[in-house]
Amino acid sequence: MIEKSRTKHAHPAPPLRSAFAHSATALEFRKQAAKDANTLEHLIQEENDPARRILFRNATIITGIADQTPFQGNVLVTGSRITEVGPSAGQGLDDKNAVVVDATDHILMPGFVDSHLHAWEGQLRGMSPDADFDEYLEVAHKSLGTLYRPHDTYIGNLVTSLVSLYAGVTTIVDNSHNSRSADHSSAAVEALFDSGIRAAHAVAAPRFGAWDEQWPSDLDRLQAEYFSSSDQLVTLRMMDTTADADAWRFAHDRGLWVSSEIGSDWVDNIVALHQQGLVTDTHTFNHCLGLSHEEWQIIADTGVKVNICPRSDTLFGLGPSFPAIDEALSVGVRPGLSMDNELSYGVDMFSEMSVLLHLQRGRVHQRRNAAEQQVPDPISAHDVLEFATLRGAENAGLIDRVGSIEVGKEADLLLIDTTVPNTLPATSPVATVVAYAHPGNVSAVFVGGDVRKWDGHLVGVDLHAVRTVAEQSRDWLVAQQSEHTAS
């Protein structure tokens, strides 16, 4: 039997690796690599040219616009904004009058928007993989957070911003609730600027430990010193962890948005604040756990923006320990998604979407099997992708600028590679993004038309240096905490 088998296959096909090395496909691969390097060089050279044109050609486009299905086509960017979208966009342009990005076999989609992320904790990543909420408070707020120098705040914000960009998150709402001094706040803002991410920087007082008590008055200094332009990448807002009426009035008087941690275990005065006219459409509510129907109706009626945290709420055991997705949808509120912090899991909007999709649908099936009379509808892959992009843009107060691929909006864009094992074949582009892709599949990231990631690597970032300073900051904080504990 063995001999017959050998005879039958006397001329077996060469091993795949050997065949590829000498194939026309390999030659094209090497040519493409050289072309990609040349494209990146042109993107960087023309970054400061307001008339620069970038043509994304032959992409599978997910616009993020409601009810619009993905299609094959092109996107033209002029300066920082999208100027044409469609099968014939950029017609007549070539390498001589535009930077042409060959997006064949890629999904082109809006950048993800994280509606609520505590970026200052970046160097604490992975310190508490099994933490509950009390443990999180102990590590981040009661101990290590009280020891932060401005330098540590800078490092934390830089690390979080860079990993966000790597993962395809082009905008974050940076809930900075460790602003111990004016210098700490300045360091946080400067790190956001240096990273190249788009961000709404929300300044808040620390929860524990000594601080300069400069909040909220220091927001006036920050506004004058860093936020003179209305079209810059980083904008300013307030974060308030206590839902304090005087703080909200301070923000309203200055035209600043307010982000707040909202849950029945933390805040019990939403109705009273509403009666004072302080709950408005310039508020972003994080978590929204355990709220009453009356409170949800206030949110819906006033236009408050809401985000939920599928991994944080379940891992830390916050409130009812289940994201408030059904409560939001029941009053017509379409929430954004947020990752909260990185002490126990990484910045990864793909995971956030997948976890929410599975959790909500699992509970729907459970309630149906229990023959409950009122069961919410199951959410879809399209829903969670909308939450991670367009609704996040709402939470950031930037829906007129980002969150979808539309003419006039900023070119905050992702290219998702569909040629690798976990994304091929990309039968459904939306399903590919939501259920199959991960941050490593993000081949390119653009913020306002400027390239931040290319060919799977962050552009212009010395990762060795970033790792070194992050480890030094972490180790110093831990050593200081050990000394304090010993004494």
Protein backbone atom coordinates (compact mmCIF):
# COMPACT_ATOMS: atom_id res chain seq x y z
CA MET A 1 0.00 0.00 0.00
CA ILE A 2 2.82 2.37 0.80
CA GLU A 3 4.63 1.58 -2.46
CA LYS A 4 1.49 2.07 -4.51
CA SER A 5 0.87 5.39 -2.83
CA ARG A 6 4.40 6.54 -3.67
CA THR A 7 3.95 5.51 -7.27
CA LYS A 8 0.69 7.35 -7.55
CA HIS A 9 2.28 10.52 -6.20
CA ALA A 10 5.65 10.22 -7.86
CA HIS A 11 5.72 13.95 -8.57
CA PRO A 12 4.15 15.61 -5.53
CA ALA A 13 3.61 19.34 -5.51
CA PRO A 14 6.52 21.21 -3.89
CA PRO A 15 6.00 22.49 -0.34
CA LEU A 16 3.98 25.70 -0.25
CA ARG A 17 6.85 27.73 1.22
CA SER A 18 9.25 26.64 -1.52
CA ALA A 19 6.72 27.27 -4.27
CA PHE A 20 5.91 30.74 -2.94
CA ALA A 21 9.55 31.79 -2.74
CA HIS A 22 9.94 31.49 -6.51
CA SER A 23 6.45 32.41 -7.63
CA ALA A 24 5.15 35.48 -9.41
CA THR A 25 3.11 36.10 -6.25
CA ALA A 26 6.30 36.46 -4.20
CA LEU A 27 7.72 38.89 -6.72
CA GLU A 28 4.58 40.99 -6.57
CA PHE A 29 4.71 40.85 -2.77
CA ARG A 30 8.24 42.31 -2.77
CA LYS A 31 7.24 44.99 -5.26
CA GLN A 32 4.25 45.90 -3.11
CA ALA A 33 6.42 46.19 0.01
CA ALA A 34 8.69 48.66 -1.78
CA LYS A 35 5.68 50.60 -3.07
CA ASP A 36 4.16 50.73 0.42
CA ALA A 37 7.40 52.18 1.84
CA ASN A 38 7.38 54.82 -0.88
CA THR A 39 3.74 55.67 -0.12
CA LEU A 40 4.53 56.13 3.57
CA GLU A 41 7.41 58.45 2.70
CA HIS A 42 5.09 60.61 0.62
CA LEU A 43 2.43 60.64 3.36
CA ILE A 44 4.96 61.90 5.88
CA GLN A 45 6.52 64.46 3.54
CA GLU A 46 3.18 66.06 2.72
CA GLU A 47 1.72 65.95 6.23
CA ASN A 48 1.74 69.72 6.75
CA ASP A 49 0.39 70.63 3.32
CA PRO A 50 -3.26 71.79 3.63
CA ALA A 51 -3.76 71.04 -0.07
CA ARG A 52 -2.42 67.49 0.18
CA ARG A 53 -4.60 64.88 -1.47
CA ILE A 54 -4.76 61.24 -0.41
CA LEU A 55 -6.73 58.80 -2.53
CA PHE A 56 -7.70 55.50 -0.90
CA ARG A 57 -8.37 53.34 -3.92
CA ASN A 58 -10.31 50.10 -4.34
CA ALA A 59 -11.31 49.66 -0.71
CA THR A 60 -14.24 47.85 0.84
CA ILE A 61 -15.81 50.87 2.51
CA ILE A 62 -17.84 50.82 5.70
CA THR A 63 -19.06 54.40 5.98
CA GLY A 64 -20.72 54.01 9.38
CA ILE A 65 -23.79 55.85 8.08
CA ALA A 66 -27.04 54.23 9.22
CA ASP A 67 -28.55 51.77 6.72
CA GLN A 68 -25.68 52.18 4.25
CA THR A 69 -24.22 48.83 3.27
CA PRO A 70 -20.49 48.36 2.58
CA PHE A 71 -19.36 48.86 -1.02
CA GLN A 72 -16.26 48.83 -3.18
CA GLY A 73 -14.93 52.27 -3.95
CA ASN A 74 -12.57 55.13 -3.24
CA VAL A 75 -12.22 57.89 -0.66
CA LEU A 76 -10.47 61.17 -1.40
CA VAL A 77 -9.00 63.23 1.42
CA THR A 78 -7.94 66.83 0.91
CA GLY A 79 -5.94 68.31 3.74
CA SER A 80 -7.50 66.80 6.85
CA ARG A 81 -11.02 66.26 5.52
CA ILE A 82 -12.91 63.79 3.38
CA THR A 83 -13.87 65.42 0.07
CA GLU A 84 -15.20 62.55 -2.06
CA VAL A 85 -16.64 59.10 -1.36
CA GLY A 86 -17.81 56.58 -3.93
CA PRO A 87 -16.88 54.19 -6.74
CA SER A 88 -15.49 57.01 -8.88
CA ALA A 89 -14.10 59.29 -6.16
CA GLY A 90 -10.79 60.85 -7.13
CA GLN A 91 -11.30 60.14 -10.80
CA GLY A 92 -8.36 61.45 -12.82
CA LEU A 93 -5.94 61.44 -9.90
CA ASP A 94 -2.79 59.35 -9.87
CA ASP A 95 0.64 59.25 -8.21
CA LYS A 96 1.60 62.52 -9.91
CA ASN A 97 -1.06 64.66 -8.24
CA ALA A 98 -2.05 62.70 -5.10
CA VAL A 99 -0.73 60.17 -2.61
CA VAL A 100 -2.45 57.01 -3.76
CA VAL A 101 -3.05 54.34 -1.10
CA ASP A 102 -3.86 50.98 -2.65
CA ALA A 103 -6.58 49.67 -0.34
CA THR A 104 -7.23 46.47 -2.30
CA ASP A 105 -8.14 43.60 0.05
CA HIS A 106 -8.67 46.06 2.91
CA ILE A 107 -11.70 47.37 4.75
CA LEU A 108 -11.69 51.16 5.04
CA MET A 109 -13.76 52.34 8.00
CA PRO A 110 -14.10 55.19 10.53
CA GLY A 111 -11.70 55.19 13.44
CA PHE A 112 -13.02 53.85 16.73
CA VAL A 113 -13.99 56.33 19.46
CA ASP A 114 -13.51 55.38 23.11
CA SER A 115 -16.10 57.36 25.05
CA HIS A 116 -14.47 57.07 28.48
CA LEU A 117 -10.88 56.07 29.19
CA HIS A 118 -8.64 56.97 32.15
CA ALA A 119 -5.47 57.47 30.15
CA TRP A 120 -3.31 58.51 33.11
CA GLU A 121 -3.17 54.87 34.26
CA GLY A 122 -1.24 53.66 31.18
CA GLN A 123 1.88 52.38 32.96
CA LEU A 124 -0.29 50.43 35.43
CA ARG A 125 -1.45 48.19 32.58
CA GLY A 126 -1.92 44.57 33.66
CA MET A 127 -1.23 45.15 37.36
CA SER A 128 -4.54 43.69 38.54
CA PRO A 129 -5.88 41.11 36.06
CA ASP A 130 -8.39 39.69 38.56
CA ALA A 131 -9.38 42.87 40.39
CA ASP A 132 -12.84 43.77 41.57
CA PHE A 133 -13.80 47.41 41.98
CA ASP A 134 -12.46 47.75 45.54
CA GLU A 135 -9.11 46.33 44.44
CA TYR A 136 -9.03 48.70 41.49
CA LEU A 137 -9.65 51.66 43.79
CA GLU A 138 -6.93 50.47 46.15
CA VAL A 139 -4.28 50.06 43.45
CA ALA A 140 -5.02 52.99 41.16
CA HIS A 141 -6.53 55.63 43.43
CA LYS A 142 -5.71 55.04 47.07
CA SER A 143 -2.10 53.97 46.67
CA LEU A 144 -0.22 54.42 43.38
CA GLY A 145 -2.35 57.29 42.09
CA THR A 146 -1.55 59.42 45.15
CA LEU A 147 2.17 59.18 44.31
CA TYR A 148 2.00 60.37 40.71
CA ARG A 149 4.39 63.10 39.66
CA PRO A 150 3.54 65.19 36.57
CA HIS A 151 6.09 63.05 34.73
CA ASP A 152 4.10 59.90 35.59
CA THR A 153 0.91 61.51 34.33
CA TYR A 154 2.64 62.33 31.04
CA ILE A 155 3.90 58.76 30.66
CA GLY A 156 0.52 57.24 31.49
CA ASN A 157 -1.31 59.41 28.96
CA LEU A 158 1.31 58.82 26.28
CA VAL A 159 1.29 55.04 26.69
CA THR A 160 -2.51 54.85 26.61
CA SER A 161 -2.75 57.15 23.60
CA LEU A 162 -0.20 55.13 21.63
CA VAL A 163 -1.82 51.77 22.34
CA SER A 164 -5.16 53.30 21.40
CA LEU A 165 -3.82 54.42 18.03
CA TYR A 166 -2.22 51.03 17.47
CA ALA A 167 -5.60 49.39 18.15
CA GLY A 168 -7.47 51.68 15.75
CA VAL A 169 -8.94 54.02 18.37
CA THR A 170 -8.47 57.45 16.80
CA THR A 171 -10.38 59.43 19.45
CA ILE A 172 -10.56 59.05 23.22
CA VAL A 173 -12.50 60.90 25.89
CA ASP A 174 -9.70 61.11 28.45
CA ASN A 175 -11.30 61.09 31.90
CA SER A 176 -8.36 62.45 33.88
CA HIS A 177 -9.40 62.01 37.51
CA ASN A 178 -5.91 62.30 39.02
CA SER A 179 -5.24 65.99 38.37
CA ARG A 180 -3.24 66.67 41.52
CA SER A 181 -1.82 69.99 40.40
CA ALA A 182 -1.75 72.37 37.47
CA ASP A 183 1.48 70.70 36.37
CA HIS A 184 -0.19 67.28 36.35
CA SER A 185 -2.95 68.61 34.09
CA SER A 186 -0.46 70.28 31.77
CA ALA A 187 1.53 67.05 31.51
CA ALA A 188 -1.61 65.08 30.60
CA VAL A 189 -2.56 67.54 27.85
CA GLU A 190 0.97 67.68 26.44
CA ALA A 191 1.12 63.88 26.21
CA LEU A 192 -2.11 63.86 24.20
CA PHE A 193 -0.71 66.48 21.83
CA ASP A 194 2.57 64.60 21.46
CA SER A 195 0.87 61.27 20.72
CA GLY A 196 -1.09 62.59 17.73
CA ILE A 197 -4.41 61.17 18.92
CA ARG A 198 -7.71 63.05 18.84
CA ALA A 199 -9.00 63.51 22.37
CA ALA A 200 -11.46 65.28 24.61
CA HIS A 201 -9.47 65.88 27.79
CA ALA A 202 -11.81 65.81 30.79
CA VAL A 203 -10.17 67.24 33.93
CA ALA A 204 -11.24 65.99 37.36
CA ALA A 205 -10.16 66.17 40.97
CA PRO A 206 -8.39 63.15 42.50
CA ARG A 207 -10.50 60.79 44.54
CA PHE A 208 -7.98 60.21 47.33
CA GLY A 209 -4.79 61.71 48.73
CA ALA A 210 -3.35 65.22 48.93
CA TRP A 211 -3.66 67.60 45.99
CA ASP A 212 -3.49 71.33 45.26
CA GLU A 213 -7.28 71.78 45.14
CA GLN A 214 -6.87 73.77 41.93
CA TRP A 215 -9.90 72.09 40.35
CA PRO A 216 -12.15 73.29 38.80
CA SER A 217 -10.63 76.78 38.56
CA ASP A 218 -7.56 75.46 36.71
CA LEU A 219 -9.74 74.71 33.69
CA ASP A 220 -9.64 78.45 32.95
CA ARG A 221 -5.83 78.34 32.75
CA LEU A 222 -5.87 75.21 30.59
CA GLN A 223 -8.39 76.78 28.23
CA ALA A 224 -6.25 79.89 27.77
CA GLU A 225 -2.90 78.07 27.57
CA TYR A 226 -3.66 75.04 25.41
CA PHE A 227 -7.05 75.38 23.73
CA SER A 228 -7.05 78.60 21.77
CA SER A 229 -8.18 76.88 18.55
CA SER A 230 -11.54 75.23 18.02
CA ASP A 231 -10.32 72.87 15.30
CA GLN A 232 -7.33 71.28 17.05
CA LEU A 233 -7.08 67.56 17.78
CA VAL A 234 -7.43 67.91 21.57
CA THR A 235 -10.39 69.67 23.18
CA LEU A 236 -11.17 70.46 26.81
CA ARG A 237 -14.02 69.46 29.09
CA MET A 238 -14.69 68.80 32.76
CA MET A 239 -14.96 65.43 34.45
CA ASP A 240 -16.91 65.30 37.70
CA THR A 241 -17.05 62.08 39.70
CA THR A 242 -19.61 63.33 42.22
CA ALA A 243 -22.35 64.98 40.11
CA ASP A 244 -21.87 68.25 42.00
CA ALA A 245 -24.26 71.06 41.07
CA ASP A 246 -21.70 73.85 41.58
CA ALA A 247 -19.14 72.07 39.39
CA TRP A 248 -21.70 71.55 36.64
CA ARG A 249 -22.64 75.25 36.77
CA PHE A 250 -18.94 76.14 36.49
CA ALA A 251 -18.69 74.08 33.31
CA HIS A 252 -21.96 75.34 31.84
CA ASP A 253 -20.95 78.97 32.39
CA ARG A 254 -17.82 78.32 30.28
CA GLY A 255 -19.50 76.28 27.58
CA LEU A 256 -17.63 73.13 28.59
CA TRP A 257 -18.99 69.62 28.30
CA VAL A 258 -19.07 67.46 31.44
CA SER A 259 -18.27 63.74 31.71
CA SER A 260 -19.53 61.98 34.83
CA GLU A 261 -19.39 58.52 36.35
CA ILE A 262 -23.07 57.68 36.82
CA GLY A 263 -24.54 54.76 38.71
CA SER A 264 -27.10 54.24 41.44
CA ASP A 265 -24.35 53.25 43.90
CA TRP A 266 -22.47 56.54 43.32
CA VAL A 267 -24.98 59.24 42.35
CA ASP A 268 -28.48 59.77 43.70
CA ASN A 269 -29.27 63.34 42.60
CA ILE A 270 -29.90 63.13 38.85
CA VAL A 271 -33.55 64.10 39.31
CA ALA A 272 -32.59 67.07 41.50
CA LEU A 273 -29.95 68.23 39.02
CA HIS A 274 -32.50 67.97 36.23
CA GLN A 275 -34.95 70.09 38.19
CA GLN A 276 -32.24 72.77 38.44
CA GLY A 277 -31.78 72.73 34.67
CA LEU A 278 -28.28 71.28 34.93
CA VAL A 279 -28.79 68.07 32.93
CA THR A 280 -28.25 69.01 29.29
CA ASP A 281 -27.13 67.63 25.94
CA THR A 282 -23.54 68.69 26.72
CA HIS A 283 -23.19 65.88 29.25
CA THR A 284 -21.61 62.47 28.82
CA PHE A 285 -22.65 59.83 31.36
CA ASN A 286 -20.32 56.85 31.86
CA HIS A 287 -21.58 53.39 32.94
CA CYS A 288 -25.18 54.39 33.82
CA LEU A 289 -25.67 51.35 36.05
CA GLY A 290 -28.75 50.66 38.13
CA LEU A 291 -30.62 53.82 37.12
CA SER A 292 -34.36 54.14 37.54
CA HIS A 293 -36.73 54.46 34.60
CA GLU A 294 -37.29 58.10 35.58
CA GLU A 295 -33.56 58.78 35.37
CA TRP A 296 -33.31 57.04 32.01
CA GLN A 297 -36.22 59.11 30.73
CA ILE A 298 -34.43 62.30 31.83
CA ILE A 299 -31.36 61.16 29.89
CA ALA A 300 -33.44 60.53 26.79
CA ASP A 301 -35.44 63.75 27.05
CA THR A 302 -32.42 66.03 27.61
CA GLY A 303 -30.12 64.45 25.01
CA VAL A 304 -27.41 63.34 27.44
CA LYS A 305 -24.83 61.14 25.73
CA VAL A 306 -24.31 57.70 27.28
CA ASN A 307 -21.56 55.12 27.10
CA ILE A 308 -21.39 51.62 28.53
CA CYS A 309 -18.42 49.48 29.52
CA PRO A 310 -19.00 45.79 28.70
CA ARG A 311 -15.70 44.51 30.11
CA SER A 312 -15.25 46.92 33.02
CA ASP A 313 -18.78 46.56 34.40
CA THR A 314 -18.66 42.76 34.34
CA LEU A 315 -15.06 42.27 35.50
CA PHE A 316 -15.08 44.78 38.34
CA GLY A 317 -18.62 43.96 39.46
CA LEU A 318 -19.94 47.49 39.08
CA GLY A 319 -23.59 48.06 40.00
CA PRO A 320 -25.68 45.17 38.65
CA SER A 321 -22.49 43.92 36.91
CA PHE A 322 -24.06 43.96 33.46
CA PRO A 323 -23.76 46.78 30.90
CA ALA A 324 -26.89 48.92 30.71
CA ILE A 325 -27.48 48.28 27.03
CA ASP A 326 -31.13 47.20 27.21
CA GLU A 327 -32.02 50.06 29.57
CA ALA A 328 -30.52 52.58 27.14
CA LEU A 329 -32.18 51.14 24.06
CA SER A 330 -35.55 50.92 25.81
CA VAL A 331 -35.74 54.74 25.90
CA GLY A 332 -34.23 55.24 22.46
CA VAL A 333 -30.67 56.05 23.59
CA ARG A 334 -27.91 54.65 21.34
CA PRO A 335 -24.83 54.36 23.59
CA GLY A 336 -21.15 54.66 22.87
CA LEU A 337 -18.63 52.08 24.05
CA SER A 338 -15.77 52.67 26.45
CA MET A 339 -12.92 50.68 27.96
CA ASP A 340 -12.55 52.58 31.26
CA ASN A 341 -8.98 51.56 32.19
CA GLU A 342 -6.22 49.05 31.50
CA LEU A 343 -5.40 47.57 34.90
CA SER A 344 -7.05 44.27 33.96
CA TYR A 345 -7.42 44.17 30.16
CA GLY A 346 -6.09 46.04 27.13
CA VAL A 347 -7.42 48.78 24.88
CA ASP A 348 -9.23 46.73 22.24
CA MET A 349 -12.51 47.93 20.76
CA PHE A 350 -12.84 44.68 18.82
CA SER A 351 -13.10 42.81 22.13
CA GLU A 352 -15.45 45.43 23.56
CA MET A 353 -17.86 45.00 20.63
CA SER A 354 -17.68 41.23 20.74
CA VAL A 355 -18.21 41.01 24.50
CA LEU A 356 -21.26 43.30 24.36
CA LEU A 357 -22.74 41.41 21.43
CA HIS A 358 -22.39 38.04 23.16
CA LEU A 359 -23.49 39.23 26.60
CA GLN A 360 -26.63 40.98 25.41
CA ARG A 361 -27.71 38.25 23.03
CA GLY A 362 -27.01 35.58 25.65
CA ARG A 363 -29.28 37.34 28.12
CA VAL A 364 -32.00 37.73 25.46
CA HIS A 365 -31.91 33.98 24.78
CA GLN A 366 -31.93 33.25 28.50
CA ARG A 367 -35.01 35.39 29.03
CA ARG A 368 -36.76 33.86 26.03
CA ASN A 369 -36.05 30.38 27.34
CA ALA A 370 -37.51 31.43 30.69
CA ALA A 371 -40.69 32.48 28.83
CA GLU A 372 -40.56 36.05 30.11
CA GLN A 373 -43.29 38.26 28.67
CA GLN A 374 -41.11 41.29 27.88
CA VAL A 375 -37.81 40.47 26.25
CA PRO A 376 -35.63 43.05 24.47
CA ASP A 377 -34.59 42.54 20.88
CA PRO A 378 -31.13 41.11 20.29
CA ILE A 379 -28.57 43.63 19.11
CA SER A 380 -26.60 43.06 15.90
CA ALA A 381 -23.06 43.37 14.62
CA HIS A 382 -24.13 46.56 12.86
CA ASP A 383 -25.37 47.95 16.19
CA VAL A 384 -22.14 47.44 18.10
CA LEU A 385 -20.06 48.84 15.25
CA GLU A 386 -22.23 51.96 15.35
CA PHE A 387 -21.76 52.18 19.12
CA ALA A 388 -17.96 51.96 18.69
CA THR A 389 -17.78 54.72 16.08
CA LEU A 390 -20.65 57.14 15.51
CA ARG A 391 -22.11 56.99 19.02
CA GLY A 392 -18.65 57.37 20.49
CA ALA A 393 -18.28 60.52 18.42
CA GLU A 394 -21.49 61.78 20.04
CA ASN A 395 -20.04 61.12 23.49
CA ALA A 396 -16.92 63.07 22.52
CA GLY A 397 -19.02 66.01 21.31
CA LEU A 398 -17.51 65.50 17.86
CA ILE A 399 -20.24 63.86 15.80
CA ASP A 400 -20.04 66.70 13.27
CA ARG A 401 -16.34 65.93 12.76
CA VAL A 402 -15.71 62.18 13.16
CA GLY A 403 -17.41 58.80 13.56
CA SER A 404 -18.33 58.11 9.93
CA ILE A 405 -16.92 58.40 6.42
CA GLU A 406 -18.79 61.39 5.03
CA VAL A 407 -17.81 64.35 2.90
CA GLY A 408 -16.76 67.22 5.15
CA LYS A 409 -15.73 65.09 8.10
CA GLU A 410 -12.19 64.68 9.38
CA ALA A 411 -10.27 61.79 7.83
CA ASP A 412 -9.97 59.61 10.93
CA LEU A 413 -9.72 56.27 9.14
CA LEU A 414 -8.65 52.64 9.57
CA LEU A 415 -7.53 50.05 7.07
CA ILE A 416 -8.27 46.46 8.13
CA ASP A 417 -6.28 43.74 6.37
CA THR A 418 -8.52 40.95 5.01
CA THR A 419 -5.73 38.76 3.61
CA VAL A 420 -4.63 37.11 6.88
CA PRO A 421 -6.04 33.82 8.24
CA ASN A 422 -8.45 35.24 10.81
CA THR A 423 -10.08 37.76 8.45
CA LEU A 424 -10.27 35.83 5.18
CA PRO A 425 -12.53 35.48 3.35
CA ALA A 426 -14.19 38.77 4.30
CA THR A 427 -17.67 37.58 3.34
CA SER A 428 -19.36 40.24 5.44
CA PRO A 429 -17.18 43.32 6.09
CA VAL A 430 -19.13 44.30 9.22
CA ALA A 431 -18.93 40.78 10.64
CA THR A 432 -15.21 40.69 9.82
CA VAL A 433 -14.62 43.81 11.90
CA VAL A 434 -16.88 42.89 14.81
CA ALA A 435 -16.43 39.14 15.14
CA TYR A 436 -13.09 38.21 13.58
CA ALA A 437 -10.59 41.07 13.54
CA HIS A 438 -8.22 42.23 16.29
CA PRO A 439 -5.83 45.21 16.69
CA GLY A 440 -3.07 43.36 14.84
CA ASN A 441 -5.25 43.40 11.71
CA VAL A 442 -5.29 47.21 11.69
CA SER A 443 -2.70 47.85 9.00
CA ALA A 444 -3.03 51.64 8.87
CA VAL A 445 -4.48 54.44 11.00
CA PHE A 446 -5.04 58.05 9.97
CA VAL A 447 -6.05 60.97 12.21
CA GLY A 448 -7.12 64.06 10.31
CA GLY A 449 -5.47 62.58 7.23
CA ASP A 450 -2.11 62.19 8.99
CA VAL A 451 -0.70 58.67 9.14
CA ARG A 452 -0.28 57.27 12.66
CA LYS A 453 0.12 53.55 11.88
CA TRP A 454 1.38 51.99 8.67
CA ASP A 455 1.98 48.40 7.66
CA GLY A 456 1.05 47.33 11.20
CA HIS A 457 3.53 49.65 12.98
CA LEU A 458 3.16 53.00 14.71
CA VAL A 459 4.79 55.76 12.68
CA GLY A 460 7.55 57.88 14.22
CA VAL A 461 7.40 56.17 17.61
CA ASP A 462 10.46 54.76 19.39
CA LEU A 463 8.73 51.90 21.17
CA HIS A 464 11.91 50.89 22.99
CA ALA A 465 12.13 54.35 24.55
CA VAL A 466 8.42 54.35 25.41
CA ARG A 467 8.71 50.94 27.05
CA THR A 468 11.75 52.07 29.04
CA VAL A 469 10.14 55.18 30.49
CA ALA A 470 6.86 53.33 31.17
CA GLU A 471 8.68 50.62 33.12
CA GLN A 472 10.74 53.20 35.00
CA SER A 473 7.62 55.13 35.99
CA ARG A 474 5.81 51.95 37.07
CA ASP A 475 8.76 50.67 39.06
CA TRP A 476 9.29 54.01 40.78
CA LEU A 477 5.63 54.19 41.81
CA VAL A 478 5.66 50.63 43.14
CA ALA A 479 8.92 51.26 45.05
CA GLN A 480 7.51 54.43 46.59
CA GLN A 481 4.39 52.59 47.64
CA SER A 482 6.47 49.85 49.26
CA GLU A 483 8.41 52.44 51.22
CA HIS A 484 5.22 54.12 52.39
CA THR A 485 3.75 50.79 53.44
CA ALA A 486 6.92 49.80 55.31
CA SER A 487 7.06 53.08 57.18
